[in-house]
Amino acid sequence: QLAQRARHDSAGVFWWTPVPRRHPYWP
């Protein structure tokens, strides 16, 4: 599951945290 969600760019590998419905201040 972590492999499926991993994103890649020139710096390496990261995981994205989307905007949660209850916390709109998190971009």
PDB file of all heavy atoms in Angstrom:
ATOM      1  N   GLN A   1       0.826  -1.205   0.000  1.00  0.00           N
ATOM      2  CA  GLN A   1       0.000   0.000   0.000  1.00  0.00           C
ATOM      3  C   GLN A   1       0.866   1.263   0.000  1.00  0.00           C
ATOM      4  O   GLN A   1       0.558   2.238  -0.695  1.00  0.00           O
ATOM      5  CB  GLN A   1      -0.923  -0.005   1.222  1.00  0.00           C
ATOM      6  CG  GLN A   1      -2.028  -1.036   1.169  1.00  0.00           C
ATOM      7  CD  GLN A   1      -3.082  -0.710   0.128  1.00  0.00           C
ATOM      8  OE1 GLN A   1      -3.226   0.437  -0.296  1.00  0.00           O
ATOM      9  NE2 GLN A   1      -3.825  -1.718  -0.299  1.00  0.00           N
ATOM     10  N   LEU A   2       1.945   1.268   0.773  1.00  0.00           N
ATOM     11  CA  LEU A   2       2.844   2.425   0.775  1.00  0.00           C
ATOM     12  C   LEU A   2       3.473   2.617  -0.600  1.00  0.00           C
ATOM     13  O   LEU A   2       3.638   3.757  -1.069  1.00  0.00           O
ATOM     14  CB  LEU A   2       3.936   2.250   1.834  1.00  0.00           C
ATOM     15  CG  LEU A   2       3.491   2.403   3.292  1.00  0.00           C
ATOM     16  CD1 LEU A   2       4.632   2.001   4.237  1.00  0.00           C
ATOM     17  CD2 LEU A   2       3.042   3.830   3.593  1.00  0.00           C
ATOM     18  N   ALA A   3       3.832   1.526  -1.254  1.00  0.00           N
ATOM     19  CA  ALA A   3       4.422   1.619  -2.584  1.00  0.00           C
ATOM     20  C   ALA A   3       3.439   2.196  -3.594  1.00  0.00           C
ATOM     21  O   ALA A   3       3.804   3.012  -4.455  1.00  0.00           O
ATOM     22  CB  ALA A   3       4.904   0.247  -3.035  1.00  0.00           C
ATOM     23  N   GLN A   4       2.178   1.808  -3.480  1.00  0.00           N
ATOM     24  CA  GLN A   4       1.167   2.317  -4.398  1.00  0.00           C
ATOM     25  C   GLN A   4       0.938   3.808  -4.211  1.00  0.00           C
ATOM     26  O   GLN A   4       0.633   4.522  -5.175  1.00  0.00           O
ATOM     27  CB  GLN A   4      -0.146   1.557  -4.196  1.00  0.00           C
ATOM     28  CG  GLN A   4      -0.100   0.104  -4.638  1.00  0.00           C
ATOM     29  CD  GLN A   4      -1.396  -0.642  -4.321  1.00  0.00           C
ATOM     30  OE1 GLN A   4      -2.359  -0.048  -3.827  1.00  0.00           O
ATOM     31  NE2 GLN A   4      -1.416  -1.937  -4.602  1.00  0.00           N
ATOM     32  N   ARG A   5       1.067   4.299  -2.977  1.00  0.00           N
ATOM     33  CA  ARG A   5       0.796   5.701  -2.687  1.00  0.00           C
ATOM     34  C   ARG A   5       2.023   6.603  -2.832  1.00  0.00           C
ATOM     35  O   ARG A   5       1.906   7.823  -2.780  1.00  0.00           O
ATOM     36  CB  ARG A   5       0.248   5.828  -1.257  1.00  0.00           C
ATOM     37  CG  ARG A   5      -1.177   5.337  -1.120  1.00  0.00           C
ATOM     38  CD  ARG A   5      -1.544   5.087   0.344  1.00  0.00           C
ATOM     39  NE  ARG A   5      -2.970   4.836   0.481  1.00  0.00           N
ATOM     40  CZ  ARG A   5      -3.581   3.722   0.109  1.00  0.00           C
ATOM     41  NH1 ARG A   5      -2.882   2.741  -0.439  1.00  0.00           N
ATOM     42  NH2 ARG A   5      -4.876   3.569   0.256  1.00  0.00           N
ATOM     43  N   ALA A   6       3.191   6.023  -2.960  1.00  0.00           N
ATOM     44  CA  ALA A   6       4.417   6.811  -3.026  1.00  0.00           C
ATOM     45  C   ALA A   6       4.453   7.667  -4.285  1.00  0.00           C
ATOM     46  O   ALA A   6       4.025   7.250  -5.360  1.00  0.00           O
ATOM     47  CB  ALA A   6       5.629   5.881  -2.987  1.00  0.00           C
ATOM     48  N   ARG A   7       4.956   8.882  -4.126  1.00  0.00           N
ATOM     49  CA  ARG A   7       5.184   9.784  -5.254  1.00  0.00           C
ATOM     50  C   ARG A   7       6.680  10.001  -5.408  1.00  0.00           C
ATOM     51  O   ARG A   7       7.434   9.918  -4.427  1.00  0.00           O
ATOM     52  CB  ARG A   7       4.454  11.110  -5.047  1.00  0.00           C
ATOM     53  CG  ARG A   7       2.949  10.958  -4.909  1.00  0.00           C
ATOM     54  CD  ARG A   7       2.248  12.311  -4.926  1.00  0.00           C
ATOM     55  NE  ARG A   7       0.818  12.195  -4.725  1.00  0.00           N
ATOM     56  CZ  ARG A   7      -0.048  13.195  -4.853  1.00  0.00           C
ATOM     57  NH1 ARG A   7       0.404  14.416  -5.169  1.00  0.00           N
ATOM     58  NH2 ARG A   7      -1.327  13.023  -4.646  1.00  0.00           N
ATOM     59  N   HIS A   8       7.104  10.292  -6.608  1.00  0.00           N
ATOM     60  CA  HIS A   8       8.527  10.404  -6.908  1.00  0.00           C
ATOM     61  C   HIS A   8       8.815  11.735  -7.597  1.00  0.00           C
ATOM     62  O   HIS A   8       8.032  12.196  -8.426  1.00  0.00           O
ATOM     63  CB  HIS A   8       8.970   9.258  -7.818  1.00  0.00           C
ATOM     64  CG  HIS A   8       8.643   7.897  -7.280  1.00  0.00           C
ATOM     65  ND1 HIS A   8       9.580   7.071  -6.694  1.00  0.00           N
ATOM     66  CD2 HIS A   8       7.467   7.202  -7.251  1.00  0.00           C
ATOM     67  CE1 HIS A   8       9.008   5.945  -6.323  1.00  0.00           C
ATOM     68  NE2 HIS A   8       7.724   6.007  -6.655  1.00  0.00           N
ATOM     69  N   ASP A   9       9.940  12.352  -7.212  1.00  0.00           N
ATOM     70  CA  ASP A   9      10.441  13.516  -7.936  1.00  0.00           C
ATOM     71  C   ASP A   9      11.967  13.478  -7.914  1.00  0.00           C
ATOM     72  O   ASP A   9      12.560  12.467  -7.494  1.00  0.00           O
ATOM     73  CB  ASP A   9       9.874  14.825  -7.381  1.00  0.00           C
ATOM     74  CG  ASP A   9      10.304  15.114  -5.952  1.00  0.00           C
ATOM     75  OD1 ASP A   9      11.267  14.475  -5.469  1.00  0.00           O
ATOM     76  OD2 ASP A   9       9.699  15.993  -5.313  1.00  0.00           O
ATOM     77  N   SER A  10      12.595  14.539  -8.341  1.00  0.00           N
ATOM     78  CA  SER A  10      14.056  14.532  -8.445  1.00  0.00           C
ATOM     79  C   SER A  10      14.748  14.395  -7.097  1.00  0.00           C
ATOM     80  O   SER A  10      15.916  13.981  -7.024  1.00  0.00           O
ATOM     81  CB  SER A  10      14.530  15.816  -9.136  1.00  0.00           C
ATOM     82  OG  SER A  10      14.115  16.957  -8.392  1.00  0.00           O
ATOM     83  N   ALA A  11      14.046  14.737  -5.998  1.00  0.00           N
ATOM     84  CA  ALA A  11      14.641  14.651  -4.661  1.00  0.00           C
ATOM     85  C   ALA A  11      14.512  13.265  -4.056  1.00  0.00           C
ATOM     86  O   ALA A  11      15.226  12.933  -3.104  1.00  0.00           O
ATOM     87  CB  ALA A  11      14.019  15.684  -3.732  1.00  0.00           C
ATOM     88  N   GLY A  12      13.574  12.455  -4.560  1.00  0.00           N
ATOM     89  CA  GLY A  12      13.394  11.128  -4.001  1.00  0.00           C
ATOM     90  C   GLY A  12      11.946  10.703  -3.950  1.00  0.00           C
ATOM     91  O   GLY A  12      11.183  10.906  -4.899  1.00  0.00           O
ATOM     92  N   VAL A  13      11.531  10.126  -2.815  1.00  0.00           N
ATOM     93  CA  VAL A  13      10.201   9.540  -2.640  1.00  0.00           C
ATOM     94  C   VAL A  13       9.496  10.245  -1.481  1.00  0.00           C
ATOM     95  O   VAL A  13      10.109  10.520  -0.446  1.00  0.00           O
ATOM     96  CB  VAL A  13      10.302   8.029  -2.343  1.00  0.00           C
ATOM     97  CG1 VAL A  13       8.934   7.438  -2.027  1.00  0.00           C
ATOM     98  CG2 VAL A  13      10.938   7.291  -3.521  1.00  0.00           C
ATOM     99  N   PHE A  14       8.190  10.503  -1.661  1.00  0.00           N
ATOM    100  CA  PHE A  14       7.410  11.123  -0.585  1.00  0.00           C
ATOM    101  C   PHE A  14       5.977  10.626  -0.651  1.00  0.00           C
ATOM    102  O   PHE A  14       5.561   9.985  -1.613  1.00  0.00           O
ATOM    103  CB  PHE A  14       7.457  12.654  -0.688  1.00  0.00           C
ATOM    104  CG  PHE A  14       6.862  13.210  -1.964  1.00  0.00           C
ATOM    105  CD1 PHE A  14       5.540  13.631  -1.999  1.00  0.00           C
ATOM    106  CD2 PHE A  14       7.636  13.323  -3.122  1.00  0.00           C
ATOM    107  CE1 PHE A  14       4.989  14.149  -3.170  1.00  0.00           C
ATOM    108  CE2 PHE A  14       7.097  13.844  -4.283  1.00  0.00           C
ATOM    109  CZ  PHE A  14       5.775  14.250  -4.313  1.00  0.00           C
ATOM    110  N   TRP A  15       5.228  10.941   0.405  1.00  0.00           N
ATOM    111  CA  TRP A  15       3.803  10.600   0.464  1.00  0.00           C
ATOM    112  C   TRP A  15       3.016  11.889   0.696  1.00  0.00           C
ATOM    113  O   TRP A  15       3.378  12.712   1.537  1.00  0.00           O
ATOM    114  CB  TRP A  15       3.535   9.601   1.593  1.00  0.00           C
ATOM    115  CG  TRP A  15       4.039   8.241   1.257  1.00  0.00           C
ATOM    116  CD1 TRP A  15       3.337   7.213   0.697  1.00  0.00           C
ATOM    117  CD2 TRP A  15       5.372   7.747   1.445  1.00  0.00           C
ATOM    118  NE1 TRP A  15       4.146   6.119   0.525  1.00  0.00           N
ATOM    119  CE2 TRP A  15       5.400   6.418   0.966  1.00  0.00           C
ATOM    120  CE3 TRP A  15       6.554   8.303   1.959  1.00  0.00           C
ATOM    121  CZ2 TRP A  15       6.556   5.636   0.996  1.00  0.00           C
ATOM    122  CZ3 TRP A  15       7.704   7.545   1.985  1.00  0.00           C
ATOM    123  CH2 TRP A  15       7.695   6.222   1.512  1.00  0.00           C
ATOM    124  N   TRP A  16       1.945  12.042  -0.049  1.00  0.00           N
ATOM    125  CA  TRP A  16       1.141  13.253  -0.024  1.00  0.00           C
ATOM    126  C   TRP A  16       0.031  13.133   1.013  1.00  0.00           C
ATOM    127  O   TRP A  16      -0.641  12.099   1.121  1.00  0.00           O
ATOM    128  CB  TRP A  16       0.521  13.493  -1.397  1.00  0.00           C
ATOM    129  CG  TRP A  16      -0.238  14.779  -1.529  1.00  0.00           C
ATOM    130  CD1 TRP A  16      -1.577  14.960  -1.408  1.00  0.00           C
ATOM    131  CD2 TRP A  16       0.310  16.070  -1.810  1.00  0.00           C
ATOM    132  NE1 TRP A  16      -1.904  16.281  -1.588  1.00  0.00           N
ATOM    133  CE2 TRP A  16      -0.763  16.985  -1.839  1.00  0.00           C
ATOM    134  CE3 TRP A  16       1.610  16.534  -2.049  1.00  0.00           C
ATOM    135  CZ2 TRP A  16      -0.580  18.331  -2.103  1.00  0.00           C
ATOM    136  CZ3 TRP A  16       1.787  17.880  -2.303  1.00  0.00           C
ATOM    137  CH2 TRP A  16       0.694  18.762  -2.325  1.00  0.00           C
ATOM    138  N   THR A  17      -0.156  14.200   1.765  1.00  0.00           N
ATOM    139  CA  THR A  17      -1.265  14.279   2.711  1.00  0.00           C
ATOM    140  C   THR A  17      -2.293  15.256   2.156  1.00  0.00           C
ATOM    141  O   THR A  17      -2.022  16.457   2.052  1.00  0.00           O
ATOM    142  CB  THR A  17      -0.798  14.762   4.090  1.00  0.00           C
ATOM    143  OG1 THR A  17       0.192  13.862   4.594  1.00  0.00           O
ATOM    144  CG2 THR A  17      -1.970  14.818   5.070  1.00  0.00           C
ATOM    145  N   PRO A  18      -3.482  14.772   1.775  1.00  0.00           N
ATOM    146  CA  PRO A  18      -4.476  15.662   1.169  1.00  0.00           C
ATOM    147  C   PRO A  18      -5.131  16.568   2.201  1.00  0.00           C
ATOM    148  O   PRO A  18      -4.927  16.431   3.407  1.00  0.00           O
ATOM    149  CB  PRO A  18      -5.496  14.678   0.588  1.00  0.00           C
ATOM    150  CG  PRO A  18      -5.401  13.473   1.462  1.00  0.00           C
ATOM    151  CD  PRO A  18      -3.939  13.374   1.869  1.00  0.00           C
ATOM    152  N   VAL A  19      -5.933  17.483   1.714  1.00  0.00           N
ATOM    153  CA  VAL A  19      -6.681  18.377   2.591  1.00  0.00           C
ATOM    154  C   VAL A  19      -7.809  17.597   3.244  1.00  0.00           C
ATOM    155  O   VAL A  19      -8.695  17.088   2.556  1.00  0.00           O
ATOM    156  CB  VAL A  19      -7.274  19.562   1.798  1.00  0.00           C
ATOM    157  CG1 VAL A  19      -8.056  20.487   2.730  1.00  0.00           C
ATOM    158  CG2 VAL A  19      -6.183  20.328   1.069  1.00  0.00           C
ATOM    159  N   PRO A  20      -7.811  17.434   4.577  1.00  0.00           N
ATOM    160  CA  PRO A  20      -8.913  16.730   5.228  1.00  0.00           C
ATOM    161  C   PRO A  20     -10.136  17.621   5.339  1.00  0.00           C
ATOM    162  O   PRO A  20     -10.024  18.846   5.444  1.00  0.00           O
ATOM    163  CB  PRO A  20      -8.345  16.400   6.611  1.00  0.00           C
ATOM    164  CG  PRO A  20      -7.317  17.430   6.859  1.00  0.00           C
ATOM    165  CD  PRO A  20      -6.769  17.837   5.516  1.00  0.00           C
ATOM    166  N   ARG A  21     -11.289  17.016   5.313  1.00  0.00           N
ATOM    167  CA  ARG A  21     -12.530  17.798   5.330  1.00  0.00           C
ATOM    168  C   ARG A  21     -12.680  18.625   6.600  1.00  0.00           C
ATOM    169  O   ARG A  21     -13.211  19.723   6.584  1.00  0.00           O
ATOM    170  CB  ARG A  21     -13.731  16.851   5.192  1.00  0.00           C
ATOM    171  CG  ARG A  21     -13.904  16.272   3.804  1.00  0.00           C
ATOM    172  CD  ARG A  21     -15.063  15.315   3.743  1.00  0.00           C
ATOM    173  NE  ARG A  21     -14.847  14.159   4.619  1.00  0.00           N
ATOM    174  CZ  ARG A  21     -15.749  13.200   4.817  1.00  0.00           C
ATOM    175  NH1 ARG A  21     -16.927  13.271   4.224  1.00  0.00           N
ATOM    176  NH2 ARG A  21     -15.484  12.178   5.604  1.00  0.00           N
ATOM    177  N   ARG A  22     -12.201  18.102   7.719  1.00  0.00           N
ATOM    178  CA  ARG A  22     -12.425  18.791   8.996  1.00  0.00           C
ATOM    179  C   ARG A  22     -11.360  19.839   9.313  1.00  0.00           C
ATOM    180  O   ARG A  22     -11.467  20.540  10.302  1.00  0.00           O
ATOM    181  CB  ARG A  22     -12.489  17.759  10.128  1.00  0.00           C
ATOM    182  CG  ARG A  22     -13.670  16.800  10.003  1.00  0.00           C
ATOM    183  CD  ARG A  22     -13.725  15.856  11.187  1.00  0.00           C
ATOM    184  NE  ARG A  22     -14.838  14.924  11.088  1.00  0.00           N
ATOM    185  CZ  ARG A  22     -15.131  13.985  11.992  1.00  0.00           C
ATOM    186  NH1 ARG A  22     -14.362  13.873  13.063  1.00  0.00           N
ATOM    187  NH2 ARG A  22     -16.139  13.177  11.824  1.00  0.00           N
ATOM    188  N   HIS A  23     -10.320  19.891   8.525  1.00  0.00           N
ATOM    189  CA  HIS A  23      -9.238  20.832   8.812  1.00  0.00           C
ATOM    190  C   HIS A  23      -8.870  21.603   7.550  1.00  0.00           C
ATOM    191  O   HIS A  23      -7.818  21.378   6.954  1.00  0.00           O
ATOM    192  CB  HIS A  23      -8.023  20.085   9.361  1.00  0.00           C
ATOM    193  CG  HIS A  23      -8.294  19.371  10.645  1.00  0.00           C
ATOM    194  ND1 HIS A  23      -8.424  20.031  11.845  1.00  0.00           N
ATOM    195  CD2 HIS A  23      -8.486  18.066  10.914  1.00  0.00           C
ATOM    196  CE1 HIS A  23      -8.672  19.156  12.805  1.00  0.00           C
ATOM    197  NE2 HIS A  23      -8.716  17.958  12.268  1.00  0.00           N
ATOM    198  N   PRO A  24      -9.716  22.510   7.132  1.00  0.00           N
ATOM    199  CA  PRO A  24      -9.475  23.230   5.882  1.00  0.00           C
ATOM    200  C   PRO A  24      -8.250  24.126   5.919  1.00  0.00           C
ATOM    201  O   PRO A  24      -7.778  24.569   4.877  1.00  0.00           O
ATOM    202  CB  PRO A  24     -10.752  24.062   5.717  1.00  0.00           C
ATOM    203  CG  PRO A  24     -11.311  24.190   7.101  1.00  0.00           C
ATOM    204  CD  PRO A  24     -10.973  22.914   7.787  1.00  0.00           C
ATOM    205  N   TYR A  25      -7.698  24.409   7.126  1.00  0.00           N
ATOM    206  CA  TYR A  25      -6.507  25.258   7.202  1.00  0.00           C
ATOM    207  C   TYR A  25      -5.275  24.514   6.681  1.00  0.00           C
ATOM    208  O   TYR A  25      -4.276  25.125   6.338  1.00  0.00           O
ATOM    209  CB  TYR A  25      -6.257  25.726   8.641  1.00  0.00           C
ATOM    210  CG  TYR A  25      -6.080  24.602   9.631  1.00  0.00           C
ATOM    211  CD1 TYR A  25      -4.847  23.972   9.787  1.00  0.00           C
ATOM    212  CD2 TYR A  25      -7.145  24.169  10.414  1.00  0.00           C
ATOM    213  CE1 TYR A  25      -4.682  22.943  10.686  1.00  0.00           C
ATOM    214  CE2 TYR A  25      -6.983  23.140  11.314  1.00  0.00           C
ATOM    215  CZ  TYR A  25      -5.755  22.534  11.455  1.00  0.00           C
ATOM    216  OH  TYR A  25      -5.599  21.501  12.347  1.00  0.00           O
ATOM    217  N   TRP A  26      -5.310  23.179   6.672  1.00  0.00           N
ATOM    218  CA  TRP A  26      -4.186  22.414   6.139  1.00  0.00           C
ATOM    219  C   TRP A  26      -4.249  22.445   4.619  1.00  0.00           C
ATOM    220  O   TRP A  26      -5.224  21.989   4.015  1.00  0.00           O
ATOM    221  CB  TRP A  26      -4.248  20.988   6.664  1.00  0.00           C
ATOM    222  CG  TRP A  26      -3.381  19.996   5.920  1.00  0.00           C
ATOM    223  CD1 TRP A  26      -3.807  18.999   5.104  1.00  0.00           C
ATOM    224  CD2 TRP A  26      -1.957  19.910   5.923  1.00  0.00           C
ATOM    225  NE1 TRP A  26      -2.749  18.286   4.611  1.00  0.00           N
ATOM    226  CE2 TRP A  26      -1.589  18.831   5.084  1.00  0.00           C
ATOM    227  CE3 TRP A  26      -0.947  20.653   6.539  1.00  0.00           C
ATOM    228  CZ2 TRP A  26      -0.272  18.471   4.859  1.00  0.00           C
ATOM    229  CZ3 TRP A  26       0.364  20.284   6.320  1.00  0.00           C
ATOM    230  CH2 TRP A  26       0.693  19.212   5.492  1.00  0.00           C
ATOM    231  N   PRO A  27      -3.226  22.983   3.957  1.00  0.00           N
ATOM    232  CA  PRO A  27      -3.323  23.192   2.510  1.00  0.00           C
ATOM    233  C   PRO A  27      -3.094  21.939   1.685  1.00  0.00           C
ATOM    234  O   PRO A  27      -3.266  21.960   0.469  1.00  0.00           O
ATOM    235  CB  PRO A  27      -2.210  24.217   2.255  1.00  0.00           C
ATOM    236  CG  PRO A  27      -1.188  23.930   3.309  1.00  0.00           C
ATOM    237  CD  PRO A  27      -1.975  23.515   4.522  1.00  0.00           C
TER     238      PRO A  27
END
